Amino acid sequence: MKVGIICGEPTADGAQLSDLQRHPTPLDGERSGDTVCARIVELTRDYQARHPELAISAVGVTVPGIVDEVNGVGVFSANLGWRDYPFTATLTEALGLPVAFGHDVSMAGEAEFRIGAAVGKRDVLILVIGTGIAGAVLCDGSRVAGDGYAGEIGHAMVPAPDGGLAILESIGSAGAIARRYAEAAGQPVDGARTVLARAGAGDAAARQVWDDAVNALAFSVAQCVSILGTETVVLGGGLSMAGPALFEPLAARVDALLSFHRRPQFVHAVLGENAGLIGSALKARTLIEPATDPAKASL
């Protein structure tokens, strides 16, 4: 759980983000929604007490899983345990403040769309590739929410190396790369970065695992491009730090899978690990009157 204050309009350099704190996300099974909200209320009141010079005007909250942004409900989170939890209503009542609510990767995408790598673009796919894979979609200049189901590309089916089918993140995520190499080599590794280094040094098993990951990612990206007319693909998350070793073969393999479709530009996300926080603040600011006092802040 990350919390910070943003005063004024957020910018790509994060200059308005201050007093950033990280706290363990409380896990309490089916009661996790109540526990998380109680913690958010506690942290918000703590900020208000420590920053009396700031009038917090709105709160932005993002969560993982399936999210109903319109009604402010966390529909389902496999990892955190809630179902149909009314986040917006609970927090609005407890805090007496407007609350903007959304999906964590969708809000990161919103930030990249508005002030980050996708500024000025109308048709964009954002992929955050780490332990898992999630995405956000901008189509004709508007973010696609799909009642909370859009962007769950990590669970899309792709051709598997064994000739069957598998979900994308079981092959193409950083976590899967490390796991699959450990299984093939019979020894654990500390992450996808090590697998890539070994692939570059001539390790055949590492090269195969890396190629499998790129192929799986290319298949899903090409499907999105052919359906949505995507002009820009923004890559974020830990795996994107591989740089040209990921971007160049991925672009080439997507190109090979397309016919007359336009070829997307592949760019690196610029807002880093705080993109979701910035995106939630941007959404929270839409709940405040346009003529906002500069001394007011979103949390």
C-alpha atoms as a PDB file:
ATOM      1  CA  MET A   1       0.000   0.000   0.000  1.00  0.00           C
ATOM      2  CA  LYS A   2       1.425   3.377  -1.068  1.00  0.00           C
ATOM      3  CA  VAL A   3       0.176   6.756   0.100  1.00  0.00           C
ATOM      4  CA  GLY A   4       1.236  10.273  -0.792  1.00  0.00           C
ATOM      5  CA  ILE A   5       0.003  13.832  -1.214  1.00  0.00           C
ATOM      6  CA  ILE A   6      -0.177  15.571  -4.584  1.00  0.00           C
ATOM      7  CA  CYS A   7      -0.550  19.340  -4.493  1.00  0.00           C
ATOM      8  CA  GLY A   8      -1.572  21.047  -7.705  1.00  0.00           C
ATOM      9  CA  GLU A   9      -1.630  19.389 -11.107  1.00  0.00           C
ATOM     10  CA  PRO A  10       0.536  16.240 -11.269  1.00  0.00           C
ATOM     11  CA  THR A  11       3.433  16.255 -13.735  1.00  0.00           C
ATOM     12  CA  ALA A  12       5.548  13.497 -15.265  1.00  0.00           C
ATOM     13  CA  ASP A  13       8.528  14.241 -13.022  1.00  0.00           C
ATOM     14  CA  GLY A  14       6.421  13.643  -9.918  1.00  0.00           C
ATOM     15  CA  ALA A  15       7.404  17.007  -8.478  1.00  0.00           C
ATOM     16  CA  GLN A  16       3.997  17.462  -6.829  1.00  0.00           C
ATOM     17  CA  LEU A  17       4.162  14.081  -5.071  1.00  0.00           C
ATOM     18  CA  SER A  18       5.316  14.432  -1.489  1.00  0.00           C
ATOM     19  CA  ASP A  19       5.428  12.556   1.795  1.00  0.00           C
ATOM     20  CA  LEU A  20       5.295   9.212   0.000  1.00  0.00           C
ATOM     21  CA  GLN A  21       4.812   6.303   2.387  1.00  0.00           C
ATOM     22  CA  ARG A  22       4.699   2.540   1.913  1.00  0.00           C
ATOM     23  CA  HIS A  23       2.779   0.275   4.245  1.00  0.00           C
ATOM     24  CA  PRO A  24       2.010  -3.456   4.168  1.00  0.00           C
ATOM     25  CA  THR A  25      -1.369  -4.125   2.578  1.00  0.00           C
ATOM     26  CA  PRO A  26      -3.566  -5.640   5.294  1.00  0.00           C
ATOM     27  CA  LEU A  27      -4.751  -9.160   4.468  1.00  0.00           C
ATOM     28  CA  ASP A  28      -7.888 -10.318   6.222  1.00  0.00           C
ATOM     29  CA  GLY A  29      -9.643 -12.717   3.856  1.00  0.00           C
ATOM     30  CA  GLU A  30     -13.240 -11.758   3.121  1.00  0.00           C
ATOM     31  CA  ARG A  31     -12.903  -8.850   5.564  1.00  0.00           C
ATOM     32  CA  SER A  32      -9.968  -7.359   3.672  1.00  0.00           C
ATOM     33  CA  GLY A  33     -12.192  -4.625   2.225  1.00  0.00           C
ATOM     34  CA  ASP A  34     -13.114  -3.382   5.701  1.00  0.00           C
ATOM     35  CA  THR A  35      -9.517  -3.685   6.869  1.00  0.00           C
ATOM     36  CA  VAL A  36      -8.084  -1.828   3.864  1.00  0.00           C
ATOM     37  CA  CYS A  37     -10.646   0.977   4.182  1.00  0.00           C
ATOM     38  CA  ALA A  38      -9.968   1.351   7.895  1.00  0.00           C
ATOM     39  CA  ARG A  39      -6.260   1.672   7.112  1.00  0.00           C
ATOM     40  CA  ILE A  40      -6.914   4.267   4.401  1.00  0.00           C
ATOM     41  CA  VAL A  41      -9.017   6.307   6.814  1.00  0.00           C
ATOM     42  CA  GLU A  42      -6.288   6.072   9.459  1.00  0.00           C
ATOM     43  CA  LEU A  43      -3.570   7.175   7.024  1.00  0.00           C
ATOM     44  CA  THR A  44      -5.680  10.032   5.653  1.00  0.00           C
ATOM     45  CA  ARG A  45      -6.347  11.401   9.120  1.00  0.00           C
ATOM     46  CA  ASP A  46      -2.663  11.060   9.931  1.00  0.00           C
ATOM     47  CA  TYR A  47      -1.793  13.145   6.862  1.00  0.00           C
ATOM     48  CA  GLN A  48      -4.362  15.756   7.829  1.00  0.00           C
ATOM     49  CA  ALA A  49      -2.878  15.980  11.318  1.00  0.00           C
ATOM     50  CA  ARG A  50       0.704  16.270  10.051  1.00  0.00           C
ATOM     51  CA  HIS A  51      -0.097  18.736   7.270  1.00  0.00           C
ATOM     52  CA  PRO A  52      -2.518  21.259   8.768  1.00  0.00           C
ATOM     53  CA  GLU A  53      -1.424  23.776   6.132  1.00  0.00           C
ATOM     54  CA  LEU A  54      -3.067  21.614   3.439  1.00  0.00           C
ATOM     55  CA  ALA A  55      -6.769  21.088   2.976  1.00  0.00           C
ATOM     56  CA  ILE A  56      -7.199  17.628   1.491  1.00  0.00           C
ATOM     57  CA  SER A  57      -9.960  18.054  -1.079  1.00  0.00           C
ATOM     58  CA  ALA A  58     -10.311  14.552  -2.510  1.00  0.00           C
ATOM     59  CA  VAL A  59      -8.953  11.045  -2.134  1.00  0.00           C
ATOM     60  CA  GLY A  60      -7.943   8.679  -4.937  1.00  0.00           C
ATOM     61  CA  VAL A  61      -7.865   4.939  -4.276  1.00  0.00           C
ATOM     62  CA  THR A  62      -6.765   2.104  -6.556  1.00  0.00           C
ATOM     63  CA  VAL A  63      -7.009  -1.627  -5.981  1.00  0.00           C
ATOM     64  CA  PRO A  64      -6.156  -4.778  -7.960  1.00  0.00           C
ATOM     65  CA  GLY A  65      -8.626  -7.303  -9.310  1.00  0.00           C
ATOM     66  CA  ILE A  66     -11.948  -6.734 -11.056  1.00  0.00           C
ATOM     67  CA  VAL A  67     -13.235  -3.229 -10.390  1.00  0.00           C
ATOM     68  CA  ASP A  68     -16.561  -1.498 -11.042  1.00  0.00           C
ATOM     69  CA  GLU A  69     -15.352   2.091 -11.304  1.00  0.00           C
ATOM     70  CA  VAL A  70     -18.801   3.560 -11.964  1.00  0.00           C
ATOM     71  CA  ASN A  71     -20.309   2.224  -8.745  1.00  0.00           C
ATOM     72  CA  GLY A  72     -17.092   2.277  -6.726  1.00  0.00           C
ATOM     73  CA  VAL A  73     -17.083  -1.448  -6.024  1.00  0.00           C
ATOM     74  CA  GLY A  74     -14.226  -3.921  -5.773  1.00  0.00           C
ATOM     75  CA  VAL A  75     -15.940  -6.796  -7.570  1.00  0.00           C
ATOM     76  CA  PHE A  76     -13.322  -9.448  -6.871  1.00  0.00           C
ATOM     77  CA  SER A  77      -9.702  -9.775  -5.799  1.00  0.00           C
ATOM     78  CA  ALA A  78      -8.238 -13.272  -5.737  1.00  0.00           C
ATOM     79  CA  ASN A  79      -5.184 -12.160  -3.770  1.00  0.00           C
ATOM     80  CA  LEU A  80      -6.887  -9.892  -1.238  1.00  0.00           C
ATOM     81  CA  GLY A  81     -10.127 -11.802  -0.824  1.00  0.00           C
ATOM     82  CA  TRP A  82     -12.972  -9.309  -1.169  1.00  0.00           C
ATOM     83  CA  ARG A  83     -16.098  -9.658  -3.299  1.00  0.00           C
ATOM     84  CA  ASP A  84     -18.463  -6.808  -4.218  1.00  0.00           C
ATOM     85  CA  TYR A  85     -16.987  -4.481  -1.626  1.00  0.00           C
ATOM     86  CA  PRO A  86     -18.341  -0.859  -1.706  1.00  0.00           C
ATOM     87  CA  PHE A  87     -15.062   1.063  -1.445  1.00  0.00           C
ATOM     88  CA  THR A  88     -16.323   4.453  -2.603  1.00  0.00           C
ATOM     89  CA  ALA A  89     -19.402   4.480  -0.374  1.00  0.00           C
ATOM     90  CA  THR A  90     -17.464   3.243   2.659  1.00  0.00           C
ATOM     91  CA  LEU A  91     -14.641   5.762   2.310  1.00  0.00           C
ATOM     92  CA  THR A  92     -16.863   8.705   1.382  1.00  0.00           C
ATOM     93  CA  GLU A  93     -18.944   8.168   4.508  1.00  0.00           C
ATOM     94  CA  ALA A  94     -15.904   7.718   6.747  1.00  0.00           C
ATOM     95  CA  LEU A  95     -13.857  10.641   5.410  1.00  0.00           C
ATOM     96  CA  GLY A  96     -16.499  13.120   4.329  1.00  0.00           C
ATOM     97  CA  LEU A  97     -14.485  13.708   1.139  1.00  0.00           C
ATOM     98  CA  PRO A  98     -14.996  12.918  -2.555  1.00  0.00           C
ATOM     99  CA  VAL A  99     -13.378   9.570  -3.377  1.00  0.00           C
ATOM    100  CA  ALA A 100     -12.147   8.516  -6.822  1.00  0.00           C
ATOM    101  CA  PHE A 101     -11.870   4.760  -7.193  1.00  0.00           C
ATOM    102  CA  GLY A 102     -10.280   2.611  -9.880  1.00  0.00           C
ATOM    103  CA  HIS A 103      -8.140  -0.339 -10.915  1.00  0.00           C
ATOM    104  CA  ASP A 104      -4.446   0.017 -10.113  1.00  0.00           C
ATOM    105  CA  VAL A 105      -3.116  -0.663 -13.627  1.00  0.00           C
ATOM    106  CA  SER A 106      -5.952   1.278 -15.281  1.00  0.00           C
ATOM    107  CA  MET A 107      -5.066   4.298 -13.169  1.00  0.00           C
ATOM    108  CA  ALA A 108      -1.392   3.873 -14.041  1.00  0.00           C
ATOM    109  CA  GLY A 109      -2.502   3.809 -17.654  1.00  0.00           C
ATOM    110  CA  GLU A 110      -4.576   6.945 -17.125  1.00  0.00           C
ATOM    111  CA  ALA A 111      -1.479   8.712 -15.838  1.00  0.00           C
ATOM    112  CA  GLU A 112       0.627   7.586 -18.813  1.00  0.00           C
ATOM    113  CA  PHE A 113      -2.159   8.680 -21.177  1.00  0.00           C
ATOM    114  CA  ARG A 114      -2.472  12.155 -19.673  1.00  0.00           C
ATOM    115  CA  ILE A 115       1.020  13.178 -18.589  1.00  0.00           C
ATOM    116  CA  GLY A 116       3.350  10.304 -19.464  1.00  0.00           C
ATOM    117  CA  ALA A 117       4.535   8.247 -22.410  1.00  0.00           C
ATOM    118  CA  ALA A 118       1.226   8.299 -24.297  1.00  0.00           C
ATOM    119  CA  VAL A 119       0.502  12.036 -24.277  1.00  0.00           C
ATOM    120  CA  GLY A 120      -1.023  13.084 -27.596  1.00  0.00           C
ATOM    121  CA  LYS A 121      -1.873   9.522 -28.629  1.00  0.00           C
ATOM    122  CA  ARG A 122      -5.419   8.285 -29.228  1.00  0.00           C
ATOM    123  CA  ASP A 123      -5.065   4.507 -29.546  1.00  0.00           C
ATOM    124  CA  VAL A 124      -2.758   3.015 -26.954  1.00  0.00           C
ATOM    125  CA  LEU A 125      -2.106  -0.300 -25.240  1.00  0.00           C
ATOM    126  CA  ILE A 126      -0.258  -0.182 -21.933  1.00  0.00           C
ATOM    127  CA  LEU A 127       1.263  -3.398 -20.605  1.00  0.00           C
ATOM    128  CA  VAL A 128       2.670  -3.659 -17.102  1.00  0.00           C
ATOM    129  CA  ILE A 129       4.812  -6.794 -17.036  1.00  0.00           C
ATOM    130  CA  GLY A 130       6.097  -7.935 -13.671  1.00  0.00           C
ATOM    131  CA  THR A 131       5.173 -10.888 -11.496  1.00  0.00           C
ATOM    132  CA  GLY A 132       1.969 -10.937 -13.539  1.00  0.00           C
ATOM    133  CA  ILE A 133       0.728  -8.986 -16.551  1.00  0.00           C
ATOM    134  CA  ALA A 134      -2.044  -6.407 -16.730  1.00  0.00           C
ATOM    135  CA  GLY A 135      -2.970  -3.737 -19.214  1.00  0.00           C
ATOM    136  CA  ALA A 136      -4.920  -0.596 -19.961  1.00  0.00           C
ATOM    137  CA  VAL A 137      -6.472   0.447 -23.259  1.00  0.00           C
ATOM    138  CA  LEU A 138      -7.015   3.877 -24.799  1.00  0.00           C
ATOM    139  CA  CYS A 139      -9.285   3.795 -27.865  1.00  0.00           C
ATOM    140  CA  ASP A 140     -10.183   6.898 -29.879  1.00  0.00           C
ATOM    141  CA  GLY A 141      -8.849   9.015 -27.037  1.00  0.00           C
ATOM    142  CA  SER A 142     -10.905   7.418 -24.261  1.00  0.00           C
ATOM    143  CA  ARG A 143      -9.850   4.826 -21.722  1.00  0.00           C
ATOM    144  CA  VAL A 144     -11.780   1.564 -22.081  1.00  0.00           C
ATOM    145  CA  ALA A 145     -13.018   0.259 -18.726  1.00  0.00           C
ATOM    146  CA  GLY A 146     -15.262  -2.589 -19.870  1.00  0.00           C
ATOM    147  CA  ASP A 147     -17.085  -2.617 -16.530  1.00  0.00           C
ATOM    148  CA  GLY A 148     -13.765  -3.511 -14.917  1.00  0.00           C
ATOM    149  CA  TYR A 149     -12.883  -6.394 -17.226  1.00  0.00           C
ATOM    150  CA  ALA A 150     -10.869  -4.511 -19.855  1.00  0.00           C
ATOM    151  CA  GLY A 151      -7.100  -4.835 -19.686  1.00  0.00           C
ATOM    152  CA  GLU A 152      -6.945  -8.284 -18.065  1.00  0.00           C
ATOM    153  CA  ILE A 153      -4.629  -9.413 -20.846  1.00  0.00           C
ATOM    154  CA  GLY A 154      -2.484 -11.499 -18.514  1.00  0.00           C
ATOM    155  CA  HIS A 155      -5.245 -14.107 -18.446  1.00  0.00           C
ATOM    156  CA  ALA A 156      -5.781 -14.179 -22.211  1.00  0.00           C
ATOM    157  CA  MET A 157      -5.005 -17.517 -23.836  1.00  0.00           C
ATOM    158  CA  VAL A 158      -1.915 -17.805 -26.044  1.00  0.00           C
ATOM    159  CA  PRO A 159      -0.195 -20.682 -27.865  1.00  0.00           C
ATOM    160  CA  ALA A 160       1.977 -22.562 -25.371  1.00  0.00           C
ATOM    161  CA  PRO A 161       5.439 -23.962 -26.142  1.00  0.00           C
ATOM    162  CA  ASP A 162       4.080 -27.514 -25.762  1.00  0.00           C
ATOM    163  CA  GLY A 163       1.539 -26.956 -28.528  1.00  0.00           C
ATOM    164  CA  GLY A 164      -1.425 -26.369 -26.246  1.00  0.00           C
ATOM    165  CA  LEU A 165      -2.791 -23.172 -24.757  1.00  0.00           C
ATOM    166  CA  ALA A 166      -1.827 -21.240 -21.637  1.00  0.00           C
ATOM    167  CA  ILE A 167      -2.575 -17.872 -20.112  1.00  0.00           C
ATOM    168  CA  LEU A 168      -0.167 -15.143 -21.172  1.00  0.00           C
ATOM    169  CA  GLU A 169       1.299 -14.400 -17.762  1.00  0.00           C
ATOM    170  CA  SER A 170       2.196 -18.074 -17.229  1.00  0.00           C
ATOM    171  CA  ILE A 171       4.724 -17.676 -20.071  1.00  0.00           C
ATOM    172  CA  GLY A 172       5.406 -13.991 -20.649  1.00  0.00           C
ATOM    173  CA  SER A 173       5.632 -12.458 -17.169  1.00  0.00           C
ATOM    174  CA  ALA A 174       8.889 -11.873 -15.313  1.00  0.00           C
ATOM    175  CA  GLY A 175       7.760 -14.339 -12.678  1.00  0.00           C
ATOM    176  CA  ALA A 176       7.047 -17.000 -15.299  1.00  0.00           C
ATOM    177  CA  ILE A 177      10.416 -16.494 -16.989  1.00  0.00           C
ATOM    178  CA  ALA A 178      12.254 -17.139 -13.728  1.00  0.00           C
ATOM    179  CA  ARG A 179      10.030 -20.098 -12.835  1.00  0.00           C
ATOM    180  CA  ARG A 180      10.198 -21.772 -16.250  1.00  0.00           C
ATOM    181  CA  TYR A 181      13.974 -21.419 -16.430  1.00  0.00           C
ATOM    182  CA  ALA A 182      14.381 -22.854 -12.929  1.00  0.00           C
ATOM    183  CA  GLU A 183      12.284 -25.845 -13.984  1.00  0.00           C
ATOM    184  CA  ALA A 184      14.286 -26.331 -17.200  1.00  0.00           C
ATOM    185  CA  ALA A 185      17.719 -25.859 -15.624  1.00  0.00           C
ATOM    186  CA  GLY A 186      16.979 -27.600 -12.355  1.00  0.00           C
ATOM    187  CA  GLN A 187      18.195 -24.650 -10.299  1.00  0.00           C
ATOM    188  CA  PRO A 188      16.482 -21.535  -8.917  1.00  0.00           C
ATOM    189  CA  VAL A 189      17.324 -18.050 -10.178  1.00  0.00           C
ATOM    190  CA  ASP A 190      16.736 -14.686  -8.574  1.00  0.00           C
ATOM    191  CA  GLY A 191      14.666 -13.277 -11.420  1.00  0.00           C
ATOM    192  CA  ALA A 192      14.082 -12.727 -15.130  1.00  0.00           C
ATOM    193  CA  ARG A 193      17.101 -10.436 -15.335  1.00  0.00           C
ATOM    194  CA  THR A 194      19.384 -13.375 -14.546  1.00  0.00           C
ATOM    195  CA  VAL A 195      17.659 -15.503 -17.179  1.00  0.00           C
ATOM    196  CA  LEU A 196      18.193 -12.785 -19.789  1.00  0.00           C
ATOM    197  CA  ALA A 197      21.864 -12.469 -18.837  1.00  0.00           C
ATOM    198  CA  ARG A 198      22.322 -16.221 -19.190  1.00  0.00           C
ATOM    199  CA  ALA A 199      20.532 -16.190 -22.532  1.00  0.00           C
ATOM    200  CA  GLY A 200      22.964 -13.534 -23.733  1.00  0.00           C
ATOM    201  CA  ALA A 201      25.871 -15.662 -22.526  1.00  0.00           C
ATOM    202  CA  GLY A 202      24.760 -18.622 -24.633  1.00  0.00           C
ATOM    203  CA  ASP A 203      22.643 -20.642 -22.201  1.00  0.00           C
ATOM    204  CA  ALA A 204      20.281 -22.545 -24.531  1.00  0.00           C
ATOM    205  CA  ALA A 205      17.607 -23.141 -21.884  1.00  0.00           C
ATOM    206  CA  ALA A 206      17.573 -19.464 -20.932  1.00  0.00           C
ATOM    207  CA  ARG A 207      17.360 -18.442 -24.589  1.00  0.00           C
ATOM    208  CA  GLN A 208      14.405 -20.759 -25.159  1.00  0.00           C
ATOM    209  CA  VAL A 209      12.530 -19.469 -22.115  1.00  0.00           C
ATOM    210  CA  TRP A 210      13.159 -15.856 -23.149  1.00  0.00           C
ATOM    211  CA  ASP A 211      12.060 -16.525 -26.735  1.00  0.00           C
ATOM    212  CA  ASP A 212       8.914 -18.268 -25.492  1.00  0.00           C
ATOM    213  CA  ALA A 213       8.066 -15.206 -23.403  1.00  0.00           C
ATOM    214  CA  VAL A 214       8.588 -12.776 -26.277  1.00  0.00           C
ATOM    215  CA  ASN A 215       6.529 -14.973 -28.611  1.00  0.00           C
ATOM    216  CA  ALA A 216       3.635 -15.101 -26.142  1.00  0.00           C
ATOM    217  CA  LEU A 217       3.723 -11.343 -25.597  1.00  0.00           C
ATOM    218  CA  ALA A 218       3.899 -10.725 -29.356  1.00  0.00           C
ATOM    219  CA  PHE A 219       0.854 -12.916 -29.979  1.00  0.00           C
ATOM    220  CA  SER A 220      -1.283 -10.980 -27.486  1.00  0.00           C
ATOM    221  CA  VAL A 221      -0.039  -7.575 -28.614  1.00  0.00           C
ATOM    222  CA  ALA A 222      -0.694  -8.427 -32.267  1.00  0.00           C
ATOM    223  CA  GLN A 223      -4.238  -9.495 -31.419  1.00  0.00           C
ATOM    224  CA  CYS A 224      -4.858  -6.180 -29.672  1.00  0.00           C
ATOM    225  CA  VAL A 225      -3.328  -4.172 -32.513  1.00  0.00           C
ATOM    226  CA  SER A 226      -5.390  -5.942 -35.167  1.00  0.00           C
ATOM    227  CA  ILE A 227      -8.645  -5.462 -33.236  1.00  0.00           C
ATOM    228  CA  LEU A 228      -8.118  -1.981 -31.777  1.00  0.00           C
ATOM    229  CA  GLY A 229      -5.862  -0.280 -34.312  1.00  0.00           C
ATOM    230  CA  THR A 230      -3.300   0.442 -31.603  1.00  0.00           C
ATOM    231  CA  GLU A 231      -0.734   3.077 -32.592  1.00  0.00           C
ATOM    232  CA  THR A 232       1.466   2.964 -29.477  1.00  0.00           C
ATOM    233  CA  VAL A 233       2.341   0.186 -27.051  1.00  0.00           C
ATOM    234  CA  VAL A 234       3.676   1.418 -23.707  1.00  0.00           C
ATOM    235  CA  LEU A 235       5.653  -1.152 -21.728  1.00  0.00           C
ATOM    236  CA  GLY A 236       6.096  -0.812 -17.972  1.00  0.00           C
ATOM    237  CA  GLY A 237       6.855  -3.032 -15.013  1.00  0.00           C
ATOM    238  CA  GLY A 238      10.038  -4.851 -14.128  1.00  0.00           C
ATOM    239  CA  LEU A 239      10.428  -6.757 -17.403  1.00  0.00           C
ATOM    240  CA  SER A 240      10.419  -3.530 -19.413  1.00  0.00           C
ATOM    241  CA  MET A 241      13.776  -2.716 -17.821  1.00  0.00           C
ATOM    242  CA  ALA A 242      15.289  -5.285 -20.210  1.00  0.00           C
ATOM    243  CA  GLY A 243      15.225  -2.456 -22.761  1.00  0.00           C
ATOM    244  CA  PRO A 244      16.262  -3.322 -26.334  1.00  0.00           C
ATOM    245  CA  ALA A 245      16.538  -7.025 -25.455  1.00  0.00           C
ATOM    246  CA  LEU A 246      12.748  -6.977 -25.061  1.00  0.00           C
ATOM    247  CA  PHE A 247      11.597  -4.080 -27.233  1.00  0.00           C
ATOM    248  CA  GLU A 248      13.423  -5.024 -30.436  1.00  0.00           C
ATOM    249  CA  PRO A 249      12.450  -8.714 -30.765  1.00  0.00           C
ATOM    250  CA  LEU A 250       8.932  -7.958 -29.546  1.00  0.00           C
ATOM    251  CA  ALA A 251       8.416  -5.291 -32.215  1.00  0.00           C
ATOM    252  CA  ALA A 252       9.841  -7.596 -34.897  1.00  0.00           C
ATOM    253  CA  ARG A 253       7.600 -10.508 -33.932  1.00  0.00           C
ATOM    254  CA  VAL A 254       4.495  -8.338 -33.728  1.00  0.00           C
ATOM    255  CA  ASP A 255       5.349  -7.025 -37.197  1.00  0.00           C
ATOM    256  CA  ALA A 256       5.547 -10.604 -38.514  1.00  0.00           C
ATOM    257  CA  LEU A 257       2.102 -11.428 -37.093  1.00  0.00           C
ATOM    258  CA  LEU A 258       0.319  -8.457 -38.694  1.00  0.00           C
ATOM    259  CA  SER A 259      -0.792  -8.089 -42.299  1.00  0.00           C
ATOM    260  CA  PHE A 260      -2.069  -4.714 -43.537  1.00  0.00           C
ATOM    261  CA  HIS A 261      -2.459  -3.318 -40.007  1.00  0.00           C
ATOM    262  CA  ARG A 262      -0.497  -0.287 -38.924  1.00  0.00           C
ATOM    263  CA  ARG A 263       2.622  -1.077 -36.955  1.00  0.00           C
ATOM    264  CA  PRO A 264       2.607   0.258 -33.405  1.00  0.00           C
ATOM    265  CA  GLN A 265       5.449   2.200 -31.871  1.00  0.00           C
ATOM    266  CA  PHE A 266       6.866   0.580 -28.727  1.00  0.00           C
ATOM    267  CA  VAL A 267       7.836   3.020 -25.970  1.00  0.00           C
ATOM    268  CA  HIS A 268       8.874   2.758 -22.342  1.00  0.00           C
ATOM    269  CA  ALA A 269       6.538   3.940 -19.571  1.00  0.00           C
ATOM    270  CA  VAL A 270       7.920   7.082 -17.945  1.00  0.00           C
ATOM    271  CA  LEU A 271       6.078   7.385 -14.628  1.00  0.00           C
ATOM    272  CA  GLY A 272       7.591   4.366 -12.915  1.00  0.00           C
ATOM    273  CA  GLU A 273       6.209   2.609  -9.871  1.00  0.00           C
ATOM    274  CA  ASN A 274       4.168   5.617  -8.739  1.00  0.00           C
ATOM    275  CA  ALA A 275       2.083   5.768 -11.930  1.00  0.00           C
ATOM    276  CA  GLY A 276      -0.971   4.283 -10.216  1.00  0.00           C
ATOM    277  CA  LEU A 277      -0.715   6.786  -7.376  1.00  0.00           C
ATOM    278  CA  ILE A 278      -0.465   9.672  -9.833  1.00  0.00           C
ATOM    279  CA  GLY A 279      -3.355   8.320 -11.885  1.00  0.00           C
ATOM    280  CA  SER A 280      -5.590   8.064  -8.843  1.00  0.00           C
ATOM    281  CA  ALA A 281      -4.769  11.674  -7.951  1.00  0.00           C
ATOM    282  CA  LEU A 282      -5.599  12.785 -11.489  1.00  0.00           C
ATOM    283  CA  LYS A 283      -8.960  11.073 -11.227  1.00  0.00           C
ATOM    284  CA  ALA A 284      -9.562  12.532  -7.767  1.00  0.00           C
ATOM    285  CA  ARG A 285      -8.955  16.019  -9.139  1.00  0.00           C
ATOM    286  CA  THR A 286     -11.854  15.557 -11.568  1.00  0.00           C
ATOM    287  CA  LEU A 287     -14.130  15.461  -8.520  1.00  0.00           C
ATOM    288  CA  ILE A 288     -12.982  18.894  -7.366  1.00  0.00           C
ATOM    289  CA  GLU A 289     -14.224  22.176  -8.768  1.00  0.00           C
ATOM    290  CA  PRO A 290     -12.025  23.380 -11.666  1.00  0.00           C
ATOM    291  CA  ALA A 291     -10.929  26.473  -9.762  1.00  0.00           C
ATOM    292  CA  THR A 292      -9.083  24.514  -7.098  1.00  0.00           C
ATOM    293  CA  ASP A 293      -7.087  26.406  -4.509  1.00  0.00           C
ATOM    294  CA  PRO A 294      -3.361  25.568  -5.042  1.00  0.00           C
ATOM    295  CA  ALA A 295      -3.113  24.887  -1.309  1.00  0.00           C
ATOM    296  CA  LYS A 296      -5.603  22.070  -1.628  1.00  0.00           C
ATOM    297  CA  ALA A 297      -4.383  18.566  -2.242  1.00  0.00           C
ATOM    298  CA  SER A 298      -5.452  15.139  -3.371  1.00  0.00           C
ATOM    299  CA  LEU A 299      -4.363  12.043  -1.500  1.00  0.00           C
END
